[in-house]
């Protein structure tokens, strides 16, 4: 189920494929989105989330 149909807050993000086709673009967007998402989550939850994001970015290279 999607968040919208259940009345939950949600956002859609679309990134052009040419923006993330290389490692530099992937890093740029990972850093940008990590900064945005860390501003949105409660401080007590940020540690585990940042580790998960870092792992997924590392494995994508």
C-alpha atoms as a PDB file:
ATOM      1  CA  UNK A   1       0.000   0.000   0.000  1.00  0.00           C
ATOM      2  CA  UNK A   2       1.044   3.529  -0.690  1.00  0.00           C
ATOM      3  CA  UNK A   3       1.145   6.247   1.943  1.00  0.00           C
ATOM      4  CA  UNK A   4      -1.203   8.594   0.130  1.00  0.00           C
ATOM      5  CA  UNK A   5      -4.077   6.087  -0.056  1.00  0.00           C
ATOM      6  CA  UNK A   6      -3.685   5.479   3.692  1.00  0.00           C
ATOM      7  CA  UNK A   7      -3.709   9.194   4.540  1.00  0.00           C
ATOM      8  CA  UNK A   8      -0.020   9.290   5.512  1.00  0.00           C
ATOM      9  CA  UNK A   9       2.296  12.172   4.700  1.00  0.00           C
ATOM     10  CA  UNK A  10       4.479  11.391   1.706  1.00  0.00           C
ATOM     11  CA  UNK A  11       6.662  12.905  -0.989  1.00  0.00           C
ATOM     12  CA  UNK A  12       7.766  11.766  -4.428  1.00  0.00           C
ATOM     13  CA  UNK A  13      11.268  12.424  -5.694  1.00  0.00           C
ATOM     14  CA  UNK A  14      12.241  12.051  -9.314  1.00  0.00           C
ATOM     15  CA  UNK A  15      15.867  12.222 -10.403  1.00  0.00           C
ATOM     16  CA  UNK A  16      16.876  12.117 -14.051  1.00  0.00           C
ATOM     17  CA  UNK A  17      18.912   9.019 -14.925  1.00  0.00           C
ATOM     18  CA  UNK A  18      21.660  11.113 -16.517  1.00  0.00           C
ATOM     19  CA  UNK A  19      22.117  12.883 -13.170  1.00  0.00           C
ATOM     20  CA  UNK A  20      22.990   9.592 -11.423  1.00  0.00           C
ATOM     21  CA  UNK A  21      24.676   7.611 -14.197  1.00  0.00           C
ATOM     22  CA  UNK A  22      28.159   8.194 -12.773  1.00  0.00           C
ATOM     23  CA  UNK A  23      29.667   7.918  -9.314  1.00  0.00           C
ATOM     24  CA  UNK A  24      30.037  11.707  -8.918  1.00  0.00           C
ATOM     25  CA  UNK A  25      26.349  12.274  -9.662  1.00  0.00           C
ATOM     26  CA  UNK A  26      25.311   9.465  -7.327  1.00  0.00           C
ATOM     27  CA  UNK A  27      27.416  10.956  -4.537  1.00  0.00           C
ATOM     28  CA  UNK A  28      26.037  14.452  -5.200  1.00  0.00           C
ATOM     29  CA  UNK A  29      22.431  13.274  -4.942  1.00  0.00           C
ATOM     30  CA  UNK A  30      23.114  10.974  -1.988  1.00  0.00           C
ATOM     31  CA  UNK A  31      24.668  13.864  -0.065  1.00  0.00           C
ATOM     32  CA  UNK A  32      21.878  16.253  -1.040  1.00  0.00           C
ATOM     33  CA  UNK A  33      19.083  13.864  -0.070  1.00  0.00           C
ATOM     34  CA  UNK A  34      20.829  12.739   3.121  1.00  0.00           C
ATOM     35  CA  UNK A  35      20.999  16.364   4.248  1.00  0.00           C
ATOM     36  CA  UNK A  36      17.334  16.940   3.483  1.00  0.00           C
ATOM     37  CA  UNK A  37      16.126  13.727   5.129  1.00  0.00           C
ATOM     38  CA  UNK A  38      18.268  14.198   8.247  1.00  0.00           C
ATOM     39  CA  UNK A  39      16.619  17.576   8.763  1.00  0.00           C
ATOM     40  CA  UNK A  40      13.206  15.871   8.692  1.00  0.00           C
ATOM     41  CA  UNK A  41      13.754  13.007  11.142  1.00  0.00           C
ATOM     42  CA  UNK A  42      13.864  13.173  14.938  1.00  0.00           C
ATOM     43  CA  UNK A  43      17.388  13.559  16.330  1.00  0.00           C
ATOM     44  CA  UNK A  44      17.198  10.303  18.336  1.00  0.00           C
ATOM     45  CA  UNK A  45      16.602   8.303  15.125  1.00  0.00           C
ATOM     46  CA  UNK A  46      19.362   9.868  13.036  1.00  0.00           C
ATOM     47  CA  UNK A  47      22.221   7.503  13.951  1.00  0.00           C
ATOM     48  CA  UNK A  48      20.768   4.299  12.530  1.00  0.00           C
ATOM     49  CA  UNK A  49      19.355   6.029   9.449  1.00  0.00           C
ATOM     50  CA  UNK A  50      22.670   7.630   8.522  1.00  0.00           C
ATOM     51  CA  UNK A  51      24.490   4.295   8.747  1.00  0.00           C
ATOM     52  CA  UNK A  52      21.898   2.670   6.482  1.00  0.00           C
ATOM     53  CA  UNK A  53      22.142   5.457   3.912  1.00  0.00           C
ATOM     54  CA  UNK A  54      25.940   5.301   3.965  1.00  0.00           C
ATOM     55  CA  UNK A  55      25.925   1.553   3.323  1.00  0.00           C
ATOM     56  CA  UNK A  56      23.548   1.775   0.378  1.00  0.00           C
ATOM     57  CA  UNK A  57      25.576   4.574  -1.200  1.00  0.00           C
ATOM     58  CA  UNK A  58      28.823   2.649  -0.747  1.00  0.00           C
ATOM     59  CA  UNK A  59      27.432  -0.534  -2.305  1.00  0.00           C
ATOM     60  CA  UNK A  60      26.087   1.385  -5.320  1.00  0.00           C
ATOM     61  CA  UNK A  61      29.575   2.404  -6.508  1.00  0.00           C
END
